[in-house]
Amino acid sequence: MIPQRVHDFVAKRFSTVKVKSKAKNTVESSSFDLLRASVNTIVAGILIASGTSLKLPLSTTRVTFMVAMGTSLADRAWGRESAVYRVSGVLTVIGGWFFTAIIAFTAAFIIANILNWGGVAGMIIALAVALFIVIKTNFFSRRQIEKQSIKDEFDLKATHTGENILDKCNSTIINVTESVSKLYSSGINALIRENRKKMKIVVKEVNELSQFTKKLKYDLYPTLKKIEAEHIEAGQFYVQILDYLREVTHCLEFIVQPIYEHLDNNHPSLIPEQIKDMEDLSELIKSYFGEIVKIMRKKSFKDLNKLISKKRFIPDHHYNSRTDNQVNYLNC
């Protein structure tokens, strides 16, 4: 609705072209930071001085903060990258101001009425409640509830042979690999579609998978104690498998957590080239995990060399088919 001439005039005010200084007879760039600092200082000073002269209970910190937010909004410093932090900062400051007063008033009102109506008994009850809250907060740790998304199939009371160690490894690798493949694909899709709710579920499921592999490592020692002596070599392979699975879930956590933070803070969406890169890489990794599961289910390892070649092919193909700019972005 605003005429184009007005748009052009405002845009010129933000031009960063070199300007000639009359005083020094030199050419220099516009100093927006110095201008913003000057405006912040002057406006904040005027507001604080005016409020003080009117005997208003001003907070100099909050006045200065709100002036800085206003000038940054006016000079186009509020982009999608930083807007969520600025808005949350404003709401935190304003909310803290009002809620502190409301909570203090309400708490004082309730306690005063308890002491007024309850007398000595009310005072004893109030002290008991306060003491209970202090003890509970500082001396009792909150109960940690760990959800196990995949059932552990080992009976720790049984004696294990090399055969059921192998079966256990097979089953665990298949379950974890299928879960990792599914969660990785879901995370990439949520990033592409900017689906924050879906990404929050993915992060929760990844944490549960990580807790499962962590529990497997905790149960390692009692499991190894139950292995028959002639099958002790199978136990060594089981230890290695658990280390690898734990490492895989760690890597998945390092992938999904930054994606969730990106979506939670409403950062800019991916450009089409980046989306295509993500989709191609996701398909290659999904296919690779599928081949692992297929081999483990069949228990036939004749195609293992092909799988290793495919693993080496994924990063080589993904980088060699990109331009220099795309490779620099992917490296970042």
Protein backbone atom coordinates (compact mmCIF):
# COMPACT_ATOMS: atom_id res chain seq x y z
CA MET A 1 0.00 0.00 0.00
CA ILE A 2 3.00 2.32 0.46
CA PRO A 3 4.03 4.08 -2.79
CA GLN A 4 7.24 2.87 -4.45
CA ARG A 5 8.81 6.32 -4.13
CA VAL A 6 8.52 6.10 -0.35
CA HIS A 7 10.11 2.62 -0.43
CA ASP A 8 12.97 3.95 -2.54
CA PHE A 9 13.51 6.94 -0.26
CA VAL A 10 13.63 4.76 2.87
CA ALA A 11 15.94 2.27 1.14
CA LYS A 12 18.41 5.06 0.32
CA ARG A 13 18.69 5.86 4.02
CA PHE A 14 20.22 2.41 4.51
CA SER A 15 22.67 2.62 1.64
CA THR A 16 26.20 1.61 2.62
CA VAL A 17 27.91 3.41 -0.28
CA LYS A 18 30.94 5.57 0.43
CA VAL A 19 30.14 9.15 1.42
CA LYS A 20 32.39 12.18 1.34
CA SER A 21 33.19 13.80 4.66
CA LYS A 22 33.15 17.60 4.38
CA ALA A 23 35.17 18.11 7.54
CA LYS A 24 38.04 15.76 6.69
CA ASN A 25 37.62 15.93 2.90
CA THR A 26 37.86 12.11 2.81
CA VAL A 27 35.63 9.27 1.62
CA GLU A 28 34.33 6.85 4.25
CA SER A 29 31.42 4.45 4.73
CA SER A 30 28.31 5.25 6.75
CA SER A 31 28.62 4.40 10.45
CA PHE A 32 25.28 2.88 11.39
CA ASP A 33 26.60 1.48 14.67
CA LEU A 34 27.76 4.92 15.85
CA LEU A 35 24.45 6.47 14.78
CA ARG A 36 22.47 3.79 16.59
CA ALA A 37 24.57 4.19 19.74
CA SER A 38 24.02 7.98 19.68
CA VAL A 39 20.26 7.58 19.28
CA ASN A 40 20.13 4.97 22.06
CA THR A 41 22.01 7.21 24.46
CA ILE A 42 20.03 10.36 23.72
CA VAL A 43 16.56 8.77 23.72
CA ALA A 44 17.21 6.68 26.84
CA GLY A 45 18.63 9.72 28.63
CA ILE A 46 15.59 11.86 27.71
CA LEU A 47 13.12 9.18 28.89
CA ILE A 48 14.96 8.55 32.18
CA ALA A 49 15.34 12.26 32.92
CA SER A 50 11.68 12.97 32.06
CA GLY A 51 10.39 10.06 34.14
CA THR A 52 12.57 10.99 37.11
CA SER A 53 11.37 14.62 37.00
CA LEU A 54 7.78 13.33 37.10
CA LYS A 55 8.70 11.14 40.11
CA LEU A 56 7.95 7.91 38.22
CA PRO A 57 9.59 4.67 39.47
CA LEU A 58 11.66 4.02 36.34
CA SER A 59 14.05 1.17 35.77
CA THR A 60 16.99 2.60 33.85
CA THR A 61 18.01 -0.87 32.68
CA ARG A 62 14.60 -1.61 31.17
CA VAL A 63 14.31 1.81 29.55
CA THR A 64 17.73 1.44 27.91
CA PHE A 65 16.91 -2.11 26.80
CA MET A 66 13.60 -1.13 25.20
CA VAL A 67 15.21 1.83 23.42
CA ALA A 68 17.86 -0.49 21.98
CA MET A 69 15.13 -2.89 20.78
CA GLY A 70 13.22 -0.02 19.17
CA THR A 71 16.20 1.37 17.26
CA SER A 72 17.25 -2.09 16.07
CA LEU A 73 13.73 -2.64 14.74
CA ALA A 74 13.80 0.72 12.96
CA ASP A 75 17.18 0.17 11.27
CA ARG A 76 16.34 -3.29 9.90
CA ALA A 77 18.54 -5.23 12.32
CA TRP A 78 15.56 -7.48 13.06
CA GLY A 79 16.00 -10.31 10.59
CA ARG A 80 14.62 -13.83 10.79
CA GLU A 81 17.94 -15.01 12.19
CA SER A 82 17.75 -12.77 15.27
CA ALA A 83 14.07 -11.83 15.61
CA VAL A 84 13.15 -14.76 17.84
CA TYR A 85 15.91 -13.87 20.34
CA ARG A 86 14.92 -10.19 20.35
CA VAL A 87 11.21 -10.89 20.81
CA SER A 88 11.85 -13.44 23.56
CA GLY A 89 14.19 -10.93 25.23
CA VAL A 90 11.55 -8.21 25.17
CA LEU A 91 8.88 -10.55 26.53
CA THR A 92 11.24 -11.80 29.24
CA VAL A 93 12.05 -8.29 30.41
CA ILE A 94 8.46 -7.06 30.35
CA GLY A 95 7.07 -10.32 31.72
CA GLY A 96 9.66 -10.37 34.50
CA TRP A 97 8.69 -6.84 35.47
CA PHE A 98 4.97 -7.55 35.78
CA PHE A 99 5.06 -11.15 36.99
CA THR A 100 7.50 -10.35 39.77
CA ALA A 101 5.06 -7.81 41.18
CA ILE A 102 2.01 -10.08 40.68
CA ILE A 103 3.66 -13.13 42.25
CA ALA A 104 5.04 -11.14 45.20
CA PHE A 105 1.66 -9.50 45.83
CA THR A 106 -0.24 -12.80 45.63
CA ALA A 107 2.21 -14.70 47.85
CA ALA A 108 2.19 -11.93 50.46
CA PHE A 109 -1.64 -11.85 50.38
CA ILE A 110 -1.95 -15.62 50.91
CA ILE A 111 0.64 -15.82 53.70
CA ALA A 112 -0.80 -12.77 55.50
CA ASN A 113 -4.29 -14.33 55.47
CA ILE A 114 -2.96 -17.69 56.71
CA LEU A 115 -1.19 -15.99 59.62
CA ASN A 116 -4.20 -13.75 60.34
CA TRP A 117 -6.84 -16.49 60.34
CA GLY A 118 -4.72 -19.39 61.57
CA GLY A 119 -2.82 -17.69 64.35
CA VAL A 120 -0.10 -19.85 65.88
CA ALA A 121 -1.36 -22.96 64.07
CA GLY A 122 -1.23 -21.13 60.74
CA MET A 123 2.30 -19.98 61.46
CA ILE A 124 3.41 -23.55 62.25
CA ILE A 125 1.76 -24.90 59.07
CA ALA A 126 3.40 -22.17 56.95
CA LEU A 127 6.83 -22.94 58.44
CA ALA A 128 6.31 -26.69 57.89
CA VAL A 129 5.37 -26.14 54.24
CA ALA A 130 8.38 -23.87 53.69
CA LEU A 131 10.70 -26.40 55.36
CA PHE A 132 9.28 -29.23 53.24
CA ILE A 133 9.82 -27.27 50.01
CA VAL A 134 13.42 -26.43 50.97
CA ILE A 135 14.25 -30.05 51.86
CA LYS A 136 12.58 -31.47 48.78
CA THR A 137 14.31 -28.98 46.48
CA ASN A 138 17.81 -29.34 47.89
CA PHE A 139 18.16 -32.81 49.37
CA PHE A 140 15.97 -35.15 47.32
CA SER A 141 16.92 -35.78 43.72
CA ARG A 142 14.05 -36.03 41.29
CA ARG A 143 13.21 -39.52 40.12
CA GLN A 144 14.64 -40.29 36.69
CA ILE A 145 12.33 -42.35 34.48
CA GLU A 146 14.09 -43.97 31.55
CA LYS A 147 11.87 -45.26 28.78
CA GLN A 148 13.17 -48.26 26.89
CA SER A 149 11.88 -48.14 23.31
CA ILE A 150 13.28 -51.54 22.33
CA LYS A 151 12.97 -54.61 24.53
CA ASP A 152 16.23 -56.11 25.68
CA GLU A 153 16.14 -59.79 24.81
CA PHE A 154 18.89 -61.04 27.14
CA ASP A 155 18.06 -62.95 30.26
CA LEU A 156 20.87 -61.95 32.60
CA LYS A 157 20.30 -65.03 34.76
CA ALA A 158 20.91 -67.49 31.90
CA THR A 159 24.23 -68.87 30.69
CA HIS A 160 25.04 -67.63 27.19
CA THR A 161 26.65 -69.52 24.35
CA GLY A 162 28.28 -68.16 21.21
CA GLU A 163 25.07 -68.86 19.30
CA ASN A 164 22.75 -66.74 21.41
CA ILE A 165 25.42 -64.01 21.60
CA LEU A 166 25.32 -63.96 17.78
CA ASP A 167 21.52 -63.94 17.76
CA LYS A 168 21.53 -61.08 20.25
CA CYS A 169 23.98 -59.07 18.13
CA ASN A 170 21.90 -59.71 15.03
CA SER A 171 18.66 -58.64 16.67
CA THR A 172 20.18 -55.55 18.29
CA ILE A 173 21.89 -54.39 15.10
CA ILE A 174 18.67 -54.79 13.09
CA ASN A 175 16.52 -52.95 15.65
CA VAL A 176 18.95 -50.07 16.17
CA THR A 177 19.77 -49.72 12.45
CA GLU A 178 16.08 -49.58 11.50
CA SER A 179 15.44 -47.03 14.23
CA VAL A 180 18.43 -44.87 13.21
CA SER A 181 17.38 -44.94 9.53
CA LYS A 182 13.81 -43.99 10.37
CA LEU A 183 14.76 -41.20 12.78
CA TYR A 184 17.40 -39.73 10.45
CA SER A 185 14.93 -39.60 7.53
CA SER A 186 12.22 -38.13 9.77
CA GLY A 187 14.63 -35.46 11.03
CA ILE A 188 15.68 -34.41 7.52
CA ASN A 189 12.03 -34.30 6.36
CA ALA A 190 11.08 -32.19 9.37
CA LEU A 191 13.93 -29.78 8.56
CA ILE A 192 12.88 -29.47 4.91
CA ARG A 193 9.21 -28.96 5.79
CA GLU A 194 10.01 -26.83 8.88
CA ASN A 195 7.85 -29.08 11.06
CA ARG A 196 8.91 -28.20 14.59
CA LYS A 197 6.37 -30.49 16.32
CA LYS A 198 7.53 -33.50 14.33
CA MET A 199 11.16 -32.64 15.05
CA LYS A 200 10.44 -32.46 18.77
CA ILE A 201 9.07 -36.02 18.62
CA VAL A 202 12.15 -37.16 16.68
CA VAL A 203 14.49 -35.68 19.31
CA LYS A 204 12.56 -37.45 22.06
CA GLU A 205 12.75 -40.80 20.24
CA VAL A 206 16.49 -40.33 19.56
CA ASN A 207 17.06 -39.70 23.27
CA GLU A 208 15.13 -42.88 24.11
CA LEU A 209 17.23 -44.86 21.60
CA SER A 210 20.38 -43.41 23.15
CA GLN A 211 19.19 -44.48 26.60
CA PHE A 212 18.58 -47.99 25.26
CA THR A 213 22.14 -48.36 23.92
CA LYS A 214 23.44 -46.84 27.14
CA LYS A 215 21.55 -49.45 29.17
CA LEU A 216 23.02 -52.22 26.99
CA LYS A 217 26.51 -51.03 27.94
CA TYR A 218 25.56 -50.86 31.61
CA ASP A 219 24.38 -54.50 31.45
CA LEU A 220 27.55 -55.56 29.65
CA TYR A 221 29.49 -56.85 32.67
CA PRO A 222 26.79 -59.16 34.09
CA THR A 223 26.17 -60.43 30.55
CA LEU A 224 29.83 -61.28 29.97
CA LYS A 225 29.99 -63.09 33.31
CA LYS A 226 27.33 -65.50 32.05
CA ILE A 227 29.18 -66.41 28.83
CA GLU A 228 30.59 -69.92 28.70
CA ALA A 229 34.38 -70.12 28.72
CA GLU A 230 34.66 -71.68 25.25
CA HIS A 231 32.63 -68.83 23.75
CA ILE A 232 34.57 -65.94 25.28
CA GLU A 233 35.60 -64.66 21.81
CA ALA A 234 31.95 -64.07 20.99
CA GLY A 235 31.80 -61.76 24.01
CA GLN A 236 34.60 -59.62 22.57
CA PHE A 237 32.61 -59.14 19.37
CA TYR A 238 29.55 -58.23 21.41
CA VAL A 239 31.53 -55.53 23.24
CA GLN A 240 32.64 -54.06 19.90
CA ILE A 241 29.09 -54.11 18.55
CA LEU A 242 27.79 -52.20 21.57
CA ASP A 243 30.53 -49.58 21.15
CA TYR A 244 29.61 -49.09 17.50
CA LEU A 245 25.88 -48.83 18.24
CA ARG A 246 26.53 -46.33 21.01
CA GLU A 247 28.65 -44.28 18.60
CA VAL A 248 25.91 -44.35 15.95
CA THR A 249 23.28 -43.05 18.38
CA HIS A 250 25.69 -40.33 19.53
CA CYS A 251 26.16 -39.20 15.92
CA LEU A 252 22.38 -39.17 15.44
CA GLU A 253 22.01 -36.95 18.51
CA PHE A 254 24.59 -34.53 17.07
CA ILE A 255 22.48 -34.35 13.87
CA VAL A 256 18.95 -33.96 15.24
CA GLN A 257 19.67 -31.55 18.11
CA PRO A 258 20.99 -28.70 15.88
CA ILE A 259 18.06 -29.29 13.49
CA TYR A 260 15.59 -28.87 16.37
CA GLU A 261 17.35 -25.71 17.59
CA HIS A 262 17.27 -24.34 14.02
CA LEU A 263 13.51 -24.90 13.76
CA ASP A 264 12.76 -23.87 17.34
CA ASN A 265 14.43 -20.50 16.76
CA ASN A 266 12.68 -19.97 13.40
CA HIS A 267 15.87 -19.54 11.41
CA PRO A 268 15.63 -19.10 7.60
CA SER A 269 14.42 -22.09 5.62
CA LEU A 270 16.72 -24.01 3.29
CA ILE A 271 17.13 -22.84 -0.29
CA PRO A 272 16.08 -25.27 -3.11
CA GLU A 273 19.68 -26.37 -3.78
CA GLN A 274 20.19 -27.25 -0.14
CA ILE A 275 16.89 -29.15 0.00
CA LYS A 276 17.91 -31.22 -3.03
CA ASP A 277 21.28 -32.00 -1.41
CA MET A 278 19.57 -33.08 1.79
CA GLU A 279 17.04 -35.27 -0.02
CA ASP A 280 19.72 -36.96 -2.16
CA LEU A 281 21.94 -37.65 0.84
CA SER A 282 18.97 -38.92 2.88
CA GLU A 283 18.00 -41.38 0.14
CA LEU A 284 21.57 -42.70 -0.14
CA ILE A 285 21.85 -43.22 3.63
CA LYS A 286 18.38 -44.80 3.82
CA SER A 287 19.35 -47.25 1.06
CA TYR A 288 22.65 -48.00 2.84
CA PHE A 289 20.90 -48.79 6.14
CA GLY A 290 18.38 -50.93 4.26
CA GLU A 291 21.20 -53.03 2.80
CA ILE A 292 22.65 -53.56 6.31
CA VAL A 293 19.29 -54.77 7.62
CA LYS A 294 18.84 -57.07 4.60
CA ILE A 295 22.25 -58.68 5.17
CA MET A 296 21.64 -59.12 8.89
CA ARG A 297 18.21 -60.70 8.35
CA LYS A 298 19.53 -63.17 5.75
CA LYS A 299 22.72 -63.79 7.75
CA SER A 300 24.51 -64.01 4.43
CA PHE A 301 27.63 -61.86 4.19
CA LYS A 302 28.66 -62.54 0.60
CA ASP A 303 27.58 -59.00 -0.36
CA LEU A 304 29.56 -57.37 2.45
CA ASN A 305 32.23 -55.98 0.09
CA LYS A 306 29.52 -54.32 -2.01
CA LEU A 307 28.12 -52.74 1.15
CA ILE A 308 31.57 -51.39 2.10
CA SER A 309 31.97 -49.96 -1.41
CA LYS A 310 28.56 -48.31 -1.11
CA LYS A 311 29.56 -46.75 2.20
CA ARG A 312 32.65 -45.22 0.55
CA PHE A 313 30.59 -44.14 -2.45
CA ILE A 314 28.15 -41.99 -0.44
CA PRO A 315 30.51 -39.17 0.65
CA ASP A 316 32.55 -39.32 -2.58
CA HIS A 317 29.50 -39.08 -4.82
CA HIS A 318 27.83 -36.44 -2.67
CA TYR A 319 30.85 -34.12 -2.76
CA ASN A 320 32.18 -34.77 -6.25
CA SER A 321 28.83 -33.92 -7.83
CA ARG A 322 28.70 -30.50 -6.15
CA THR A 323 30.03 -27.11 -7.13
CA ASP A 324 32.76 -25.43 -5.06
CA ASN A 325 30.22 -23.21 -3.29
CA GLN A 326 28.03 -26.19 -2.40
CA VAL A 327 31.03 -28.13 -1.06
CA ASN A 328 32.01 -25.17 1.12
CA TYR A 329 28.47 -25.00 2.48
CA LEU A 330 28.36 -28.75 3.21
CA ASN A 331 31.74 -28.56 4.94
CA CYS A 332 30.40 -25.78 7.16
